[in-house]
Amino acid sequence: MDKIKSLLLPLALVFAAIAVFEFGARYGATNMRAYAIASELQFPLSIYEQAETNMNALSKENFGSLIDNGIAAGCMHRQIWYLNKDARATLDQVLARALALRGDAALARFNSLDSDESIANKETLATIREAVIAAQGELIQASTNSSENTVLTPEVDAQ
């Protein structure tokens, strides 16, 4: 029994170090994934915004699909509770732009996928749809609140 007692403290310290490292790695990876989702969404979103009027139907569909997939990933990822404020702000900024551009079309795409028989996991699709609706409500409400709080004041020359 004495031999086991002498091993318990070092063993506990090893497991505590592993737990701290795992939490730090998970926290950092989650934040970097938020930045990656925002970055991956910006490129097709910029192209779609600039060239939407000149695109043919197939190109619109392809870019719309890329943007909708990014919206789904971003909306699901922003629900993680330990997401850093800066990473969440970056993700929210890009998602607000994407949802303003494709919000209703993205929801229509997810609703049409619900009737598709080839999709096996309907619960995941429902979770994605709920996350998109929640993000759309929060981000639109945040943008209207910030525009209401912005008051234009004339500049006064202090001479």
N, C-alpha and C. Protein backbone atom coordinates (compact mmCIF):
# COMPACT_ATOMS: atom_id res chain seq x y z
N MET A 1 0.82 -1.20 0.00
CA MET A 1 0.00 0.00 0.00
C MET A 1 0.86 1.26 0.00
N ASP A 2 2.00 1.22 0.70
CA ASP A 2 2.90 2.38 0.75
C ASP A 2 3.50 2.68 -0.62
N LYS A 3 3.76 1.64 -1.41
CA LYS A 3 4.30 1.85 -2.74
C LYS A 3 3.29 2.55 -3.64
N ILE A 4 2.01 2.20 -3.49
CA ILE A 4 0.96 2.82 -4.29
C ILE A 4 0.75 4.27 -3.88
N LYS A 5 0.82 4.56 -2.58
CA LYS A 5 0.66 5.93 -2.10
C LYS A 5 1.73 6.85 -2.67
N SER A 6 2.94 6.38 -2.79
CA SER A 6 4.02 7.21 -3.31
C SER A 6 3.86 7.48 -4.81
N LEU A 7 3.08 6.67 -5.50
CA LEU A 7 2.87 6.88 -6.93
C LEU A 7 1.63 7.74 -7.23
N LEU A 8 0.73 7.91 -6.27
CA LEU A 8 -0.52 8.62 -6.53
C LEU A 8 -0.32 10.09 -6.85
N LEU A 9 0.52 10.77 -6.11
CA LEU A 9 0.73 12.20 -6.36
C LEU A 9 1.37 12.46 -7.73
N PRO A 10 2.43 11.78 -8.11
CA PRO A 10 2.97 12.01 -9.46
C PRO A 10 1.98 11.64 -10.56
N LEU A 11 1.23 10.58 -10.34
CA LEU A 11 0.23 10.18 -11.33
C LEU A 11 -0.87 11.23 -11.45
N ALA A 12 -1.31 11.77 -10.34
CA ALA A 12 -2.32 12.82 -10.36
C ALA A 12 -1.80 14.07 -11.07
N LEU A 13 -0.54 14.41 -10.86
CA LEU A 13 0.05 15.57 -11.52
C LEU A 13 0.15 15.36 -13.03
N VAL A 14 0.47 14.15 -13.44
CA VAL A 14 0.55 13.84 -14.87
C VAL A 14 -0.84 13.98 -15.51
N PHE A 15 -1.86 13.42 -14.86
CA PHE A 15 -3.21 13.52 -15.42
C PHE A 15 -3.72 14.96 -15.42
N ALA A 16 -3.36 15.74 -14.41
CA ALA A 16 -3.76 17.15 -14.38
C ALA A 16 -3.08 17.92 -15.51
N ALA A 17 -1.82 17.63 -15.78
CA ALA A 17 -1.12 18.30 -16.87
C ALA A 17 -1.74 17.93 -18.22
N ILE A 18 -2.11 16.68 -18.38
CA ILE A 18 -2.77 16.25 -19.62
C ILE A 18 -4.11 16.96 -19.79
N ALA A 19 -4.87 17.09 -18.71
CA ALA A 19 -6.17 17.76 -18.79
C ALA A 19 -6.02 19.23 -19.14
N VAL A 20 -5.05 19.90 -18.54
CA VAL A 20 -4.82 21.32 -18.84
C VAL A 20 -4.38 21.48 -20.28
N PHE A 21 -3.48 20.63 -20.76
CA PHE A 21 -3.03 20.71 -22.14
C PHE A 21 -4.19 20.46 -23.10
N GLU A 22 -5.02 19.47 -22.81
CA GLU A 22 -6.14 19.15 -23.68
C GLU A 22 -7.14 20.30 -23.74
N PHE A 23 -7.42 20.92 -22.61
CA PHE A 23 -8.34 22.07 -22.61
C PHE A 23 -7.76 23.22 -23.41
N GLY A 24 -6.48 23.50 -23.24
CA GLY A 24 -5.85 24.59 -23.98
C GLY A 24 -5.83 24.32 -25.47
N ALA A 25 -5.55 23.08 -25.85
CA ALA A 25 -5.54 22.73 -27.26
C ALA A 25 -6.93 22.84 -27.86
N ARG A 26 -7.91 22.39 -27.12
CA ARG A 26 -9.29 22.46 -27.63
C ARG A 26 -9.74 23.92 -27.76
N TYR A 27 -9.43 24.74 -26.77
CA TYR A 27 -9.80 26.15 -26.79
C TYR A 27 -9.14 26.86 -27.96
N GLY A 28 -7.86 26.63 -28.15
CA GLY A 28 -7.14 27.27 -29.25
C GLY A 28 -7.61 26.78 -30.60
N ALA A 29 -7.85 25.49 -30.71
CA ALA A 29 -8.32 24.94 -31.99
C ALA A 29 -9.71 25.45 -32.34
N THR A 30 -10.54 25.62 -31.35
CA THR A 30 -11.89 26.13 -31.59
C THR A 30 -11.85 27.56 -32.11
N ASN A 31 -11.00 28.37 -31.51
CA ASN A 31 -10.88 29.75 -31.96
C ASN A 31 -10.28 29.83 -33.36
N MET A 32 -9.28 29.01 -33.63
CA MET A 32 -8.68 29.03 -34.96
C MET A 32 -9.66 28.51 -36.01
N ARG A 33 -10.50 27.58 -35.65
CA ARG A 33 -11.52 27.08 -36.59
C ARG A 33 -12.52 28.19 -36.91
N ALA A 34 -12.87 29.02 -35.93
CA ALA A 34 -13.78 30.14 -36.19
C ALA A 34 -13.16 31.11 -37.19
N TYR A 35 -11.88 31.41 -37.01
CA TYR A 35 -11.20 32.28 -37.97
C TYR A 35 -11.14 31.62 -39.35
N ALA A 36 -10.91 30.31 -39.39
CA ALA A 36 -10.83 29.61 -40.67
C ALA A 36 -12.18 29.60 -41.39
N ILE A 37 -13.26 29.39 -40.65
CA ILE A 37 -14.59 29.40 -41.27
C ILE A 37 -14.88 30.78 -41.84
N ALA A 38 -14.56 31.82 -41.07
CA ALA A 38 -14.79 33.19 -41.55
C ALA A 38 -13.95 33.48 -42.79
N SER A 39 -12.71 33.03 -42.78
CA SER A 39 -11.83 33.27 -43.92
C SER A 39 -12.30 32.51 -45.16
N GLU A 40 -12.71 31.26 -44.97
CA GLU A 40 -13.19 30.46 -46.10
C GLU A 40 -14.49 31.00 -46.68
N LEU A 41 -15.28 31.66 -45.86
CA LEU A 41 -16.55 32.20 -46.32
C LEU A 41 -16.38 33.53 -47.04
N GLN A 42 -15.34 34.28 -46.72
CA GLN A 42 -15.15 35.60 -47.31
C GLN A 42 -14.90 35.56 -48.82
N PHE A 43 -14.12 34.60 -49.28
CA PHE A 43 -13.77 34.57 -50.70
C PHE A 43 -14.98 34.33 -51.61
N PRO A 44 -15.75 33.25 -51.42
CA PRO A 44 -16.91 33.08 -52.31
C PRO A 44 -17.97 34.16 -52.11
N LEU A 45 -18.03 34.69 -50.89
CA LEU A 45 -19.00 35.75 -50.61
C LEU A 45 -18.63 37.03 -51.38
N SER A 46 -17.37 37.36 -51.42
CA SER A 46 -16.93 38.55 -52.17
C SER A 46 -17.18 38.38 -53.66
N ILE A 47 -16.87 37.21 -54.18
CA ILE A 47 -17.11 36.96 -55.60
C ILE A 47 -18.60 37.03 -55.91
N TYR A 48 -19.41 36.43 -55.05
CA TYR A 48 -20.86 36.41 -55.28
C TYR A 48 -21.44 37.82 -55.23
N GLU A 49 -20.95 38.63 -54.29
CA GLU A 49 -21.45 40.01 -54.17
C GLU A 49 -21.08 40.84 -55.40
N GLN A 50 -19.88 40.66 -55.89
CA GLN A 50 -19.40 41.50 -56.99
C GLN A 50 -19.93 41.07 -58.34
N ALA A 51 -20.11 39.77 -58.54
CA ALA A 51 -20.43 39.29 -59.88
C ALA A 51 -21.79 38.59 -59.98
N GLU A 52 -22.65 38.80 -59.01
CA GLU A 52 -23.94 38.10 -59.02
C GLU A 52 -24.76 38.44 -60.26
N THR A 53 -24.74 39.68 -60.67
CA THR A 53 -25.56 40.08 -61.82
C THR A 53 -25.03 39.50 -63.13
N ASN A 54 -23.74 39.20 -63.20
CA ASN A 54 -23.14 38.69 -64.43
C ASN A 54 -23.02 37.17 -64.46
N MET A 55 -23.41 36.49 -63.40
CA MET A 55 -23.25 35.04 -63.33
C MET A 55 -24.39 34.33 -64.04
N ASN A 56 -24.06 33.18 -64.61
CA ASN A 56 -25.13 32.35 -65.15
C ASN A 56 -25.74 31.53 -64.01
N ALA A 57 -26.77 30.78 -64.29
CA ALA A 57 -27.52 30.08 -63.25
C ALA A 57 -26.67 29.02 -62.55
N LEU A 58 -25.84 28.31 -63.29
CA LEU A 58 -25.00 27.27 -62.69
C LEU A 58 -23.97 27.87 -61.74
N SER A 59 -23.37 28.98 -62.14
CA SER A 59 -22.39 29.64 -61.27
C SER A 59 -23.05 30.17 -60.01
N LYS A 60 -24.24 30.76 -60.15
CA LYS A 60 -24.96 31.24 -58.97
C LYS A 60 -25.27 30.09 -58.01
N GLU A 61 -25.67 28.96 -58.58
CA GLU A 61 -25.98 27.80 -57.76
C GLU A 61 -24.75 27.27 -57.04
N ASN A 62 -23.62 27.21 -57.75
CA ASN A 62 -22.39 26.71 -57.14
C ASN A 62 -21.89 27.64 -56.03
N PHE A 63 -21.84 28.93 -56.31
CA PHE A 63 -21.40 29.87 -55.29
C PHE A 63 -22.40 29.95 -54.14
N GLY A 64 -23.68 29.85 -54.45
CA GLY A 64 -24.70 29.83 -53.40
C GLY A 64 -24.53 28.63 -52.50
N SER A 65 -24.20 27.49 -53.08
CA SER A 65 -23.97 26.28 -52.29
C SER A 65 -22.75 26.43 -51.39
N LEU A 66 -21.67 27.01 -51.92
CA LEU A 66 -20.47 27.25 -51.10
C LEU A 66 -20.78 28.17 -49.93
N ILE A 67 -21.51 29.23 -50.20
CA ILE A 67 -21.85 30.19 -49.15
C ILE A 67 -22.79 29.57 -48.13
N ASP A 68 -23.77 28.80 -48.59
CA ASP A 68 -24.70 28.16 -47.67
C ASP A 68 -24.00 27.15 -46.76
N ASN A 69 -23.03 26.42 -47.31
CA ASN A 69 -22.25 25.49 -46.47
C ASN A 69 -21.43 26.25 -45.43
N GLY A 70 -20.86 27.37 -45.83
CA GLY A 70 -20.12 28.20 -44.87
C GLY A 70 -21.03 28.79 -43.81
N ILE A 71 -22.23 29.19 -44.20
CA ILE A 71 -23.20 29.71 -43.24
C ILE A 71 -23.56 28.63 -42.23
N ALA A 72 -23.80 27.43 -42.71
CA ALA A 72 -24.16 26.33 -41.81
C ALA A 72 -23.03 26.03 -40.83
N ALA A 73 -21.80 25.96 -41.34
CA ALA A 73 -20.65 25.68 -40.47
C ALA A 73 -20.46 26.81 -39.45
N GLY A 74 -20.56 28.04 -39.91
CA GLY A 74 -20.37 29.18 -39.00
C GLY A 74 -21.46 29.29 -37.95
N CYS A 75 -22.69 29.05 -38.34
CA CYS A 75 -23.80 29.14 -37.38
C CYS A 75 -23.72 28.04 -36.33
N MET A 76 -23.30 26.86 -36.75
CA MET A 76 -23.13 25.77 -35.77
C MET A 76 -21.94 26.07 -34.86
N HIS A 77 -20.88 26.62 -35.41
CA HIS A 77 -19.66 26.85 -34.64
C HIS A 77 -19.81 28.01 -33.65
N ARG A 78 -20.64 28.97 -33.97
CA ARG A 78 -20.77 30.12 -33.06
C ARG A 78 -21.55 29.78 -31.80
N GLN A 79 -22.13 28.59 -31.73
CA GLN A 79 -22.86 28.17 -30.54
C GLN A 79 -21.96 27.58 -29.46
N ILE A 80 -20.68 27.42 -29.74
CA ILE A 80 -19.75 26.85 -28.77
C ILE A 80 -19.52 27.88 -27.66
N TRP A 81 -19.67 27.47 -26.44
CA TRP A 81 -19.67 28.41 -25.33
C TRP A 81 -18.29 28.96 -25.00
N TYR A 82 -17.23 28.25 -25.31
CA TYR A 82 -15.90 28.73 -24.96
C TYR A 82 -15.19 29.40 -26.12
N LEU A 83 -15.94 29.92 -27.06
CA LEU A 83 -15.37 30.64 -28.19
C LEU A 83 -14.93 32.03 -27.73
N ASN A 84 -13.73 32.41 -28.10
CA ASN A 84 -13.13 33.68 -27.75
C ASN A 84 -13.96 34.85 -28.31
N LYS A 85 -13.97 35.99 -27.62
CA LYS A 85 -14.74 37.15 -28.09
C LYS A 85 -14.27 37.65 -29.45
N ASP A 86 -12.96 37.70 -29.66
CA ASP A 86 -12.44 38.19 -30.93
C ASP A 86 -12.78 37.24 -32.08
N ALA A 87 -12.65 35.95 -31.84
CA ALA A 87 -12.97 34.97 -32.87
C ALA A 87 -14.46 35.00 -33.18
N ARG A 88 -15.28 35.13 -32.15
CA ARG A 88 -16.72 35.19 -32.36
C ARG A 88 -17.12 36.47 -33.10
N ALA A 89 -16.47 37.57 -32.78
CA ALA A 89 -16.78 38.83 -33.47
C ALA A 89 -16.42 38.75 -34.95
N THR A 90 -15.29 38.15 -35.26
CA THR A 90 -14.89 37.98 -36.65
C THR A 90 -15.88 37.09 -37.39
N LEU A 91 -16.25 35.98 -36.76
CA LEU A 91 -17.20 35.05 -37.36
C LEU A 91 -18.57 35.71 -37.52
N ASP A 92 -19.01 36.47 -36.52
CA ASP A 92 -20.30 37.14 -36.60
C ASP A 92 -20.33 38.19 -37.70
N GLN A 93 -19.23 38.89 -37.88
CA GLN A 93 -19.16 39.92 -38.92
C GLN A 93 -19.34 39.31 -40.31
N VAL A 94 -18.64 38.23 -40.57
CA VAL A 94 -18.75 37.58 -41.88
C VAL A 94 -20.12 36.91 -42.04
N LEU A 95 -20.61 36.29 -40.97
CA LEU A 95 -21.93 35.65 -41.03
C LEU A 95 -23.04 36.67 -41.25
N ALA A 96 -22.92 37.83 -40.65
CA ALA A 96 -23.94 38.86 -40.85
C ALA A 96 -24.00 39.28 -42.32
N ARG A 97 -22.83 39.42 -42.93
CA ARG A 97 -22.77 39.75 -44.36
C ARG A 97 -23.36 38.63 -45.21
N ALA A 98 -23.02 37.40 -44.88
CA ALA A 98 -23.51 36.26 -45.65
C ALA A 98 -25.01 36.06 -45.47
N LEU A 99 -25.48 36.23 -44.24
CA LEU A 99 -26.91 36.06 -43.99
C LEU A 99 -27.74 37.19 -44.60
N ALA A 100 -27.15 38.38 -44.67
CA ALA A 100 -27.86 39.48 -45.33
C ALA A 100 -28.00 39.20 -46.82
N LEU A 101 -27.00 38.55 -47.38
CA LEU A 101 -27.01 38.26 -48.81
C LEU A 101 -27.79 37.00 -49.14
N ARG A 102 -27.61 35.93 -48.35
CA ARG A 102 -28.16 34.63 -48.71
C ARG A 102 -29.07 34.04 -47.62
N GLY A 103 -29.47 34.78 -46.62
CA GLY A 103 -30.19 34.23 -45.48
C GLY A 103 -31.43 33.43 -45.84
N ASP A 104 -32.35 34.04 -46.56
CA ASP A 104 -33.59 33.34 -46.91
C ASP A 104 -33.34 32.24 -47.92
N ALA A 105 -32.43 32.44 -48.83
CA ALA A 105 -32.10 31.40 -49.81
C ALA A 105 -31.43 30.21 -49.12
N ALA A 106 -30.59 30.48 -48.12
CA ALA A 106 -29.95 29.39 -47.39
C ALA A 106 -30.98 28.59 -46.61
N LEU A 107 -31.92 29.28 -45.97
CA LEU A 107 -32.98 28.56 -45.25
C LEU A 107 -33.85 27.75 -46.20
N ALA A 108 -34.12 28.30 -47.36
CA ALA A 108 -34.90 27.56 -48.36
C ALA A 108 -34.15 26.31 -48.81
N ARG A 109 -32.81 26.42 -48.96
CA ARG A 109 -32.01 25.26 -49.34
C ARG A 109 -32.06 24.19 -48.26
N PHE A 110 -31.95 24.60 -46.98
CA PHE A 110 -31.98 23.62 -45.89
C PHE A 110 -33.37 23.01 -45.74
N ASN A 111 -34.40 23.80 -46.00
CA ASN A 111 -35.77 23.25 -45.97
C ASN A 111 -36.00 22.26 -47.10
N SER A 112 -35.43 22.53 -48.27
CA SER A 112 -35.60 21.60 -49.39
C SER A 112 -34.82 20.31 -49.15
N LEU A 113 -33.72 20.39 -48.43
CA LEU A 113 -32.96 19.18 -48.11
C LEU A 113 -33.71 18.28 -47.14
N ASP A 114 -34.63 18.86 -46.38
CA ASP A 114 -35.39 18.07 -45.41
C ASP A 114 -36.26 17.04 -46.11
N SER A 115 -36.75 17.35 -47.30
CA SER A 115 -37.61 16.41 -48.03
C SER A 115 -36.81 15.41 -48.84
N ASP A 116 -35.48 15.59 -48.91
CA ASP A 116 -34.64 14.67 -49.68
C ASP A 116 -34.50 13.34 -48.92
N GLU A 117 -34.78 12.26 -49.59
CA GLU A 117 -34.74 10.94 -48.96
C GLU A 117 -33.32 10.41 -48.78
N SER A 118 -32.35 10.93 -49.53
CA SER A 118 -30.99 10.43 -49.45
C SER A 118 -30.26 10.90 -48.19
N ILE A 119 -30.80 11.90 -47.51
CA ILE A 119 -30.17 12.41 -46.30
C ILE A 119 -30.64 11.55 -45.13
N ALA A 120 -29.68 10.90 -44.48
CA ALA A 120 -30.01 9.94 -43.43
C ALA A 120 -30.23 10.62 -42.08
N ASN A 121 -29.46 11.66 -41.77
CA ASN A 121 -29.51 12.26 -40.44
C ASN A 121 -30.34 13.54 -40.48
N LYS A 122 -31.63 13.40 -40.26
CA LYS A 122 -32.55 14.55 -40.29
C LYS A 122 -32.38 15.43 -39.04
N GLU A 123 -31.92 14.83 -37.93
CA GLU A 123 -31.75 15.63 -36.71
C GLU A 123 -30.64 16.66 -36.88
N THR A 124 -29.56 16.28 -37.53
CA THR A 124 -28.47 17.22 -37.78
C THR A 124 -28.93 18.36 -38.67
N LEU A 125 -29.72 18.03 -39.67
CA LEU A 125 -30.25 19.06 -40.56
C LEU A 125 -31.17 20.01 -39.79
N ALA A 126 -31.98 19.48 -38.89
CA ALA A 126 -32.85 20.32 -38.07
C ALA A 126 -32.03 21.21 -37.14
N THR A 127 -30.95 20.67 -36.59
CA THR A 127 -30.07 21.46 -35.72
C THR A 127 -29.40 22.58 -36.50
N ILE A 128 -28.98 22.29 -37.72
CA ILE A 128 -28.37 23.32 -38.57
C ILE A 128 -29.39 24.41 -38.87
N ARG A 129 -30.60 24.00 -39.22
CA ARG A 129 -31.65 24.98 -39.53
C ARG A 129 -31.95 25.87 -38.33
N GLU A 130 -32.04 25.28 -37.14
CA GLU A 130 -32.29 26.08 -35.93
C GLU A 130 -31.13 27.03 -35.64
N ALA A 131 -29.89 26.58 -35.87
CA ALA A 131 -28.73 27.44 -35.64
C ALA A 131 -28.72 28.61 -36.62
N VAL A 132 -29.09 28.36 -37.87
CA VAL A 132 -29.13 29.43 -38.87
C VAL A 132 -30.22 30.44 -38.51
N ILE A 133 -31.38 29.96 -38.10
CA ILE A 133 -32.47 30.86 -37.72
C ILE A 133 -32.07 31.69 -36.50
N ALA A 134 -31.44 31.05 -35.51
CA ALA A 134 -31.01 31.78 -34.31
C ALA A 134 -29.95 32.82 -34.65
N ALA A 135 -28.97 32.43 -35.47
CA ALA A 135 -27.91 33.38 -35.85
C ALA A 135 -28.48 34.53 -36.66
N GLN A 136 -29.41 34.22 -37.55
CA GLN A 136 -30.01 35.27 -38.37
C GLN A 136 -30.76 36.26 -37.48
N GLY A 137 -31.50 35.75 -36.51
CA GLY A 137 -32.22 36.64 -35.59
C GLY A 137 -31.28 37.49 -34.75
N GLU A 138 -30.24 36.86 -34.19
CA GLU A 138 -29.31 37.60 -33.34
C GLU A 138 -28.50 38.63 -34.12
N LEU A 139 -28.01 38.24 -35.28
CA LEU A 139 -27.15 39.15 -36.04
C LEU A 139 -27.95 40.29 -36.66
N ILE A 140 -29.16 40.03 -37.09
CA ILE A 140 -30.00 41.11 -37.63
C ILE A 140 -30.42 42.04 -36.52
N GLN A 141 -30.75 41.48 -35.34
CA GLN A 141 -31.12 42.32 -34.20
C GLN A 141 -29.92 43.16 -33.75
N ALA A 142 -28.73 42.58 -33.76
CA ALA A 142 -27.53 43.32 -33.37
C ALA A 142 -27.23 44.44 -34.36
N SER A 143 -27.45 44.17 -35.64
CA SER A 143 -27.17 45.21 -36.63
C SER A 143 -28.19 46.33 -36.56
N THR A 144 -29.46 46.03 -36.25
CA THR A 144 -30.45 47.09 -36.11
C THR A 144 -30.22 47.88 -34.83
N ASN A 145 -29.79 47.21 -33.75
CA ASN A 145 -29.49 47.92 -32.52
C ASN A 145 -28.30 48.85 -32.69
N SER A 146 -27.28 48.41 -33.40
CA SER A 146 -26.11 49.26 -33.59
C SER A 146 -26.43 50.43 -34.51
N SER A 147 -27.32 50.23 -35.48
CA SER A 147 -27.67 51.35 -36.35
C SER A 147 -28.58 52.34 -35.64
N GLU A 148 -29.38 51.86 -34.68
CA GLU A 148 -30.22 52.77 -33.91
C GLU A 148 -29.39 53.58 -32.92
N ASN A 149 -28.33 52.96 -32.39
CA ASN A 149 -27.49 53.65 -31.41
C ASN A 149 -26.50 54.61 -32.05
N THR A 150 -26.31 54.51 -33.33
CA THR A 150 -25.40 55.40 -34.02
C THR A 150 -26.11 56.72 -34.30
N VAL A 151 -25.61 57.76 -33.70
CA VAL A 151 -26.20 59.09 -33.87
C VAL A 151 -25.16 59.96 -34.54
N LEU A 152 -25.55 60.58 -35.61
CA LEU A 152 -24.62 61.46 -36.31
C LEU A 152 -24.61 62.81 -35.61
N THR A 153 -23.43 63.20 -35.17
CA THR A 153 -23.29 64.50 -34.51
C THR A 153 -22.42 65.38 -35.38
N PRO A 154 -22.80 66.64 -35.51
CA PRO A 154 -21.96 67.53 -36.32
C PRO A 154 -20.65 67.80 -35.61
N GLU A 155 -19.62 67.94 -36.42
CA GLU A 155 -18.31 68.23 -35.85
C GLU A 155 -18.25 69.71 -35.50
N VAL A 156 -17.71 69.99 -34.34
CA VAL A 156 -17.60 71.36 -33.87
C VAL A 156 -16.13 71.74 -33.86
N ASP A 157 -15.83 72.84 -34.49
CA ASP A 157 -14.45 73.30 -34.50
C ASP A 157 -14.14 73.99 -33.18
N ALA A 158 -13.10 73.52 -32.53
CA ALA A 158 -12.70 74.11 -31.24
C ALA A 158 -11.58 75.11 -31.53
N GLN A 159 -11.94 76.34 -31.82
CA GLN A 159 -10.93 77.35 -32.12
C GLN A 159 -10.86 78.37 -31.05
